Amino acid sequence: MKTNIEKLPKSTIKLTITIENGKVKEAYDKTITQAVQETEIEGFRKGTAPKEMVKDKIGVSTLYGDALNDLLQTYYPQALKENHISPVSNPKVEVKEFNLEKDLEFSATFAVRPEIKMKDYKKALKAYYEEKKQKAEKEEEENKKDTKKTDEKSKEDKKEEKKEEHEKHVHLGANEIIEVLLKESEVEIADILKEEETDRMLARLMDQLKSINLPVEKYLSAQNKTAEGLRKDYDASSEKNIKAEFVLSHLINEEKIEVTDKEIDDMIGAIGDKALGEKMNSPMERLYIKTVLQKNKLIQKLIEETEGVKHE
């Protein structure tokens, strides 16, 4: 096997893999042998029919396709491992031709984790917080002037109301933190990754519309959008969501945010459903819970550092 790595713009890689002819023939022979074992032909016991009869029944193109899939599933992961590459998207695969008398050449194009450059995001967070605080204080001053006017509420009620309004305006939220972080980051998202996320979001929308028996045309009409316009909106959301995931993941490492096994166990225990809790205790689900807790810890840490107050 030979591999060629081509680095494309926006954290995208094109990996071209060449498999020697002998391996191609081995994969095809393996496919034929398996087909003979699994195919039933009248007049023969299962697994004993002649190869030519099996080929005629299944079709050469189908057999070629099965052999090709076997080669792709074997050598693509092997090439990634040998070259220490970790994709963050599914590959777009292109095959020149499948010929039993030639080497097989195919390419796989995929996204990898992008380089992330952060500006002084902590300074930006403090500036945003101070601006928000000043705005809240200005509004409070305006409200104080209104206390001279006749009001049905008692002075004590009015005072408590203004205190609640002030507290509400001077606390940062997770969405505000993320918005500032995105503005203070430089990261290019691979088109293939954005397309993949958009396709996933649109597929989920289609499933939702189907579940309520709402035709896509009626939904688009109600939203006053075309199919192209809807996809454009989803593209923008996809890019923002993906960028946020990469930025938060980057800062989790930078800020050394840790989550213990006990914290994950406590999270699972808080579900209160034994069957669901057991399901959530799988390695993949525990990893997902760990990621969620790390993000929460990161955002809480940034809020506390920005406001200068520790929150429970």
Protein backbone atom coordinates (compact mmCIF):
# COMPACT_ATOMS: atom_id res chain seq x y z
CA MET A 1 0.00 0.00 0.00
CA LYS A 2 1.21 3.46 -0.94
CA THR A 3 -0.23 6.67 0.44
CA ASN A 4 0.00 10.32 -0.57
CA ILE A 5 -1.13 13.07 1.79
CA GLU A 6 -2.29 16.39 0.35
CA LYS A 7 -3.16 19.21 2.75
CA LEU A 8 -6.03 21.30 1.41
CA PRO A 9 -7.34 24.65 2.71
CA LYS A 10 -9.61 24.88 5.77
CA SER A 11 -8.12 21.95 7.70
CA THR A 12 -8.98 19.42 4.98
CA ILE A 13 -6.84 16.47 3.88
CA LYS A 14 -6.95 14.41 0.70
CA LEU A 15 -5.45 10.98 1.23
CA THR A 16 -4.70 9.01 -1.95
CA ILE A 17 -4.16 5.29 -1.43
CA THR A 18 -2.80 2.79 -3.94
CA ILE A 19 -3.31 -0.94 -3.31
CA GLU A 20 -1.20 -3.43 -5.26
CA ASN A 21 -3.00 -5.68 -7.74
CA GLY A 22 -2.31 -8.86 -5.77
CA LYS A 23 -4.31 -7.55 -2.81
CA VAL A 24 -7.16 -6.56 -5.14
CA LYS A 25 -7.35 -10.10 -6.51
CA GLU A 26 -7.23 -11.54 -2.97
CA ALA A 27 -10.17 -9.36 -1.93
CA TYR A 28 -12.18 -10.43 -4.99
CA ASP A 29 -11.42 -14.13 -4.41
CA LYS A 30 -12.51 -13.71 -0.80
CA THR A 31 -15.77 -12.09 -1.96
CA ILE A 32 -16.44 -14.93 -4.42
CA THR A 33 -15.74 -17.59 -1.78
CA GLN A 34 -18.10 -15.91 0.69
CA ALA A 35 -20.78 -15.54 -2.01
CA VAL A 36 -20.57 -19.27 -2.85
CA GLN A 37 -21.02 -20.15 0.83
CA GLU A 38 -24.06 -17.91 1.25
CA THR A 39 -25.86 -18.30 -2.11
CA GLU A 40 -28.60 -20.87 -2.65
CA ILE A 41 -29.02 -22.23 -6.19
CA GLU A 42 -31.56 -24.85 -7.08
CA GLY A 43 -30.05 -28.29 -7.56
CA PHE A 44 -27.07 -27.64 -5.27
CA ARG A 45 -26.59 -27.76 -1.53
CA LYS A 46 -25.87 -24.37 -0.03
CA GLY A 47 -22.17 -23.62 -0.45
CA THR A 48 -21.54 -26.15 -3.23
CA ALA A 49 -22.71 -24.30 -6.37
CA PRO A 50 -20.06 -23.60 -9.05
CA LYS A 51 -18.48 -20.15 -8.93
CA GLU A 52 -19.60 -19.26 -12.44
CA MET A 53 -23.24 -19.97 -11.58
CA VAL A 54 -22.93 -17.83 -8.43
CA LYS A 55 -21.41 -15.01 -10.50
CA ASP A 56 -24.28 -15.20 -12.96
CA LYS A 57 -26.90 -15.11 -10.21
CA ILE A 58 -25.39 -12.29 -8.15
CA GLY A 59 -23.87 -10.26 -10.96
CA VAL A 60 -20.24 -9.27 -11.49
CA SER A 61 -20.89 -5.60 -10.72
CA THR A 62 -22.29 -6.51 -7.29
CA LEU A 63 -19.31 -8.75 -6.56
CA TYR A 64 -16.93 -5.98 -7.63
CA GLY A 65 -18.75 -3.57 -5.34
CA ASP A 66 -18.50 -5.95 -2.36
CA ALA A 67 -14.78 -6.52 -2.99
CA LEU A 68 -14.21 -2.78 -3.30
CA ASN A 69 -16.02 -2.09 -0.02
CA ASP A 70 -13.87 -4.72 1.68
CA LEU A 71 -10.69 -3.05 0.38
CA LEU A 72 -11.84 0.43 1.44
CA GLN A 73 -12.82 -0.73 4.92
CA THR A 74 -9.45 -2.46 5.33
CA TYR A 75 -6.94 -0.02 3.88
CA TYR A 76 -8.49 3.39 4.68
CA PRO A 77 -8.30 2.87 8.50
CA GLN A 78 -4.84 1.31 8.06
CA ALA A 79 -3.58 4.36 6.14
CA LEU A 80 -4.96 6.68 8.84
CA LYS A 81 -3.24 4.70 11.59
CA GLU A 82 0.10 4.49 9.80
CA ASN A 83 0.13 8.25 9.14
CA HIS A 84 -1.23 9.22 12.59
CA ILE A 85 -4.22 11.09 11.14
CA SER A 86 -7.48 11.58 13.09
CA PRO A 87 -10.41 12.71 10.90
CA VAL A 88 -13.29 14.68 12.43
CA SER A 89 -15.67 13.97 9.53
CA ASN A 90 -16.71 11.09 7.32
CA PRO A 91 -14.58 10.75 4.18
CA LYS A 92 -15.66 11.58 0.64
CA VAL A 93 -14.28 8.65 -1.34
CA GLU A 94 -13.48 8.65 -5.05
CA VAL A 95 -12.38 5.53 -6.98
CA LYS A 96 -10.86 5.85 -10.44
CA GLU A 97 -11.72 2.31 -11.54
CA PHE A 98 -11.94 -1.23 -10.25
CA ASN A 99 -9.95 -3.55 -12.49
CA LEU A 100 -8.79 -7.02 -11.46
CA GLU A 101 -5.68 -6.61 -13.63
CA LYS A 102 -4.56 -3.25 -12.17
CA ASP A 103 -3.60 -1.65 -8.89
CA LEU A 104 -6.52 0.03 -7.11
CA GLU A 105 -6.23 3.76 -6.49
CA PHE A 106 -8.76 5.70 -4.45
CA SER A 107 -8.81 9.01 -2.59
CA ALA A 108 -10.50 9.96 0.68
CA THR A 109 -11.09 13.63 1.48
CA PHE A 110 -11.97 14.54 5.07
CA ALA A 111 -11.74 17.24 7.72
CA VAL A 112 -9.22 17.28 10.57
CA ARG A 113 -9.18 19.32 13.75
CA PRO A 114 -8.42 22.95 12.81
CA GLU A 115 -5.78 25.18 14.30
CA ILE A 116 -7.34 27.58 16.78
CA LYS A 117 -5.94 30.99 17.61
CA MET A 118 -7.43 32.83 20.56
CA LYS A 119 -7.09 36.55 21.12
CA ASP A 120 -7.20 38.00 24.65
CA TYR A 121 -10.62 36.50 25.36
CA LYS A 122 -10.45 37.13 29.11
CA LYS A 123 -9.88 40.84 28.52
CA ALA A 124 -12.77 40.83 26.03
CA LEU A 125 -15.03 39.09 28.55
CA LYS A 126 -14.22 41.70 31.22
CA ALA A 127 -14.88 44.52 28.75
CA TYR A 128 -18.21 42.98 27.80
CA TYR A 129 -19.14 42.50 31.46
CA GLU A 130 -18.21 46.09 32.38
CA GLU A 131 -20.24 47.43 29.48
CA LYS A 132 -23.22 45.34 30.54
CA LYS A 133 -22.79 46.41 34.16
CA GLN A 134 -22.65 50.09 33.25
CA LYS A 135 -25.78 49.73 31.17
CA ALA A 136 -27.57 48.04 34.07
CA GLU A 137 -26.46 50.78 36.47
CA LYS A 138 -27.68 53.46 34.08
CA GLU A 139 -31.05 51.75 33.84
CA GLU A 140 -31.17 51.56 37.63
CA GLU A 141 -30.52 55.29 37.89
CA GLU A 142 -33.34 55.92 35.44
CA ASN A 143 -35.60 53.73 37.54
CA LYS A 144 -34.71 55.67 40.69
CA LYS A 145 -36.01 58.82 39.09
CA ASP A 146 -39.30 57.08 38.48
CA THR A 147 -39.73 56.35 42.19
CA LYS A 148 -40.82 59.96 42.71
CA LYS A 149 -43.87 59.28 40.59
CA THR A 150 -47.02 57.85 42.06
CA ASP A 151 -47.09 54.09 41.96
CA GLU A 152 -49.52 51.53 43.25
CA LYS A 153 -46.67 49.43 44.59
CA SER A 154 -45.17 50.01 48.01
CA LYS A 155 -41.67 51.46 48.33
CA GLU A 156 -40.42 48.13 49.71
CA ASP A 157 -41.81 46.19 46.74
CA LYS A 158 -40.31 48.71 44.36
CA LYS A 159 -36.91 48.45 46.04
CA GLU A 160 -36.93 44.64 45.89
CA GLU A 161 -38.00 44.69 42.24
CA LYS A 162 -35.13 46.99 41.27
CA LYS A 163 -32.67 44.84 43.18
CA GLU A 164 -33.81 41.77 41.22
CA GLU A 165 -33.58 43.68 37.93
CA HIS A 166 -30.07 44.84 38.76
CA GLU A 167 -28.90 41.34 39.66
CA LYS A 168 -30.45 39.94 36.51
CA HIS A 169 -28.64 42.43 34.30
CA VAL A 170 -25.15 42.10 35.75
CA HIS A 171 -24.77 38.32 35.58
CA LEU A 172 -23.30 36.68 32.50
CA GLY A 173 -24.87 33.65 30.87
CA ALA A 174 -23.38 30.73 28.98
CA ASN A 175 -24.59 32.00 25.60
CA GLU A 176 -22.98 35.39 26.22
CA ILE A 177 -19.69 33.75 27.16
CA ILE A 178 -19.73 31.63 23.99
CA GLU A 179 -20.57 34.62 21.76
CA VAL A 180 -17.57 36.54 23.10
CA LEU A 181 -15.29 33.52 22.72
CA LEU A 182 -16.34 33.09 19.09
CA LYS A 183 -15.59 36.75 18.35
CA GLU A 184 -12.18 36.39 19.97
CA SER A 185 -11.18 33.26 18.06
CA GLU A 186 -9.69 32.56 14.66
CA VAL A 187 -10.62 29.17 13.21
CA GLU A 188 -11.48 27.94 9.73
CA ILE A 189 -14.12 25.24 9.50
CA ALA A 190 -13.77 22.64 6.73
CA ASP A 191 -16.56 22.80 4.15
CA ILE A 192 -16.99 19.03 4.26
CA LEU A 193 -17.59 19.18 8.03
CA LYS A 194 -20.09 22.03 7.67
CA GLU A 195 -21.96 20.14 4.92
CA GLU A 196 -22.10 17.04 7.08
CA GLU A 197 -23.57 18.94 10.03
CA THR A 198 -26.07 20.77 7.80
CA ASP A 199 -27.21 17.48 6.28
CA ARG A 200 -27.69 16.05 9.77
CA MET A 201 -29.74 19.06 10.92
CA LEU A 202 -31.90 19.01 7.80
CA ALA A 203 -32.49 15.26 8.16
CA ARG A 204 -33.66 15.84 11.73
CA LEU A 205 -36.01 18.59 10.52
CA MET A 206 -37.43 16.27 7.84
CA ASP A 207 -38.06 13.59 10.49
CA GLN A 208 -39.85 16.14 12.69
CA LEU A 209 -42.04 17.33 9.81
CA LYS A 210 -42.85 13.74 8.88
CA SER A 211 -43.86 12.94 12.47
CA ILE A 212 -46.51 15.67 12.37
CA ASN A 213 -47.52 14.99 8.76
CA LEU A 214 -46.48 18.45 7.60
CA PRO A 215 -45.30 18.59 3.97
CA VAL A 216 -41.96 20.29 3.40
CA GLU A 217 -43.54 22.69 0.90
CA LYS A 218 -46.05 23.93 3.49
CA TYR A 219 -43.30 24.36 6.09
CA LEU A 220 -41.18 26.39 3.67
CA SER A 221 -44.19 28.50 2.72
CA ALA A 222 -45.00 29.19 6.39
CA GLN A 223 -41.38 30.21 6.99
CA ASN A 224 -41.38 32.28 3.79
CA LYS A 225 -38.23 30.48 2.64
CA THR A 226 -36.98 28.48 -0.31
CA ALA A 227 -35.13 25.18 0.07
CA GLU A 228 -31.91 26.99 -0.86
CA GLY A 229 -32.59 29.72 1.70
CA LEU A 230 -33.27 27.18 4.43
CA ARG A 231 -30.02 25.34 3.70
CA LYS A 232 -28.13 28.65 3.77
CA ASP A 233 -29.54 29.38 7.23
CA TYR A 234 -28.59 25.92 8.42
CA ASP A 235 -25.10 26.32 6.96
CA ALA A 236 -24.61 29.43 9.10
CA SER A 237 -25.87 27.62 12.22
CA SER A 238 -23.67 24.60 11.45
CA GLU A 239 -20.55 26.72 11.11
CA LYS A 240 -21.27 28.55 14.38
CA ASN A 241 -22.03 25.33 16.29
CA ILE A 242 -18.95 23.52 15.00
CA LYS A 243 -16.72 26.52 15.70
CA ALA A 244 -18.09 26.74 19.25
CA GLU A 245 -17.34 23.04 19.84
CA PHE A 246 -13.73 23.39 18.68
CA VAL A 247 -13.16 26.61 20.66
CA LEU A 248 -14.60 25.15 23.88
CA SER A 249 -12.60 21.94 23.43
CA HIS A 250 -9.44 24.00 22.89
CA LEU A 251 -10.04 26.08 26.03
CA ILE A 252 -10.86 23.00 28.12
CA ASN A 253 -7.29 21.86 27.42
CA GLU A 254 -5.83 25.34 27.86
CA GLU A 255 -7.60 25.88 31.20
CA LYS A 256 -6.89 22.27 32.27
CA ILE A 257 -10.53 21.52 33.11
CA GLU A 258 -10.77 18.10 34.76
CA VAL A 259 -13.77 15.91 35.54
CA THR A 260 -13.51 12.95 37.94
CA ASP A 261 -15.17 9.55 37.62
CA LYS A 262 -17.15 10.38 40.77
CA GLU A 263 -18.61 13.48 39.13
CA ILE A 264 -19.70 11.37 36.16
CA ASP A 265 -21.18 8.75 38.52
CA ASP A 266 -23.06 11.46 40.42
CA MET A 267 -24.46 12.80 37.16
CA ILE A 268 -25.67 9.34 36.12
CA GLY A 269 -27.08 8.71 39.62
CA ALA A 270 -29.05 11.95 39.46
CA ILE A 271 -31.07 10.57 36.53
CA GLY A 272 -33.20 8.54 38.92
CA ASP A 273 -33.99 5.88 36.31
CA LYS A 274 -32.07 2.64 36.90
CA ALA A 275 -32.47 1.29 33.35
CA LEU A 276 -31.50 4.60 31.76
CA GLY A 277 -28.66 4.97 34.24
CA GLU A 278 -27.22 1.61 33.19
CA LYS A 279 -27.46 2.64 29.55
CA MET A 280 -25.69 5.93 30.29
CA ASN A 281 -22.87 4.03 32.00
CA SER A 282 -21.39 2.75 28.73
CA PRO A 283 -17.91 4.06 27.77
CA MET A 284 -19.26 6.25 24.96
CA GLU A 285 -22.02 7.76 27.11
CA ARG A 286 -19.60 8.41 29.97
CA LEU A 287 -17.29 10.21 27.55
CA TYR A 288 -20.22 12.34 26.37
CA ILE A 289 -21.19 13.19 29.98
CA LYS A 290 -17.56 14.05 30.74
CA THR A 291 -17.48 16.46 27.78
CA VAL A 292 -20.71 18.15 28.92
CA LEU A 293 -19.41 18.56 32.47
CA GLN A 294 -16.10 19.96 31.20
CA LYS A 295 -17.91 22.58 29.13
CA ASN A 296 -20.08 23.54 32.08
CA LYS A 297 -17.03 23.84 34.33
CA LEU A 298 -15.17 25.93 31.78
CA ILE A 299 -18.04 28.38 31.30
CA GLN A 300 -18.62 28.61 35.07
CA LYS A 301 -14.90 29.29 35.60
CA LEU A 302 -14.90 32.06 32.99
CA ILE A 303 -18.02 33.64 34.48
CA GLU A 304 -16.53 33.63 37.98
CA GLU A 305 -13.20 35.05 36.79
CA THR A 306 -14.94 37.77 34.80
CA GLU A 307 -17.38 38.82 37.51
CA GLY A 308 -14.89 38.32 40.33
CA VAL A 309 -17.52 36.43 42.31
CA LYS A 310 -17.79 32.70 42.97
CA HIS A 311 -21.23 31.32 42.12
CA GLU A 312 -22.81 28.14 43.42
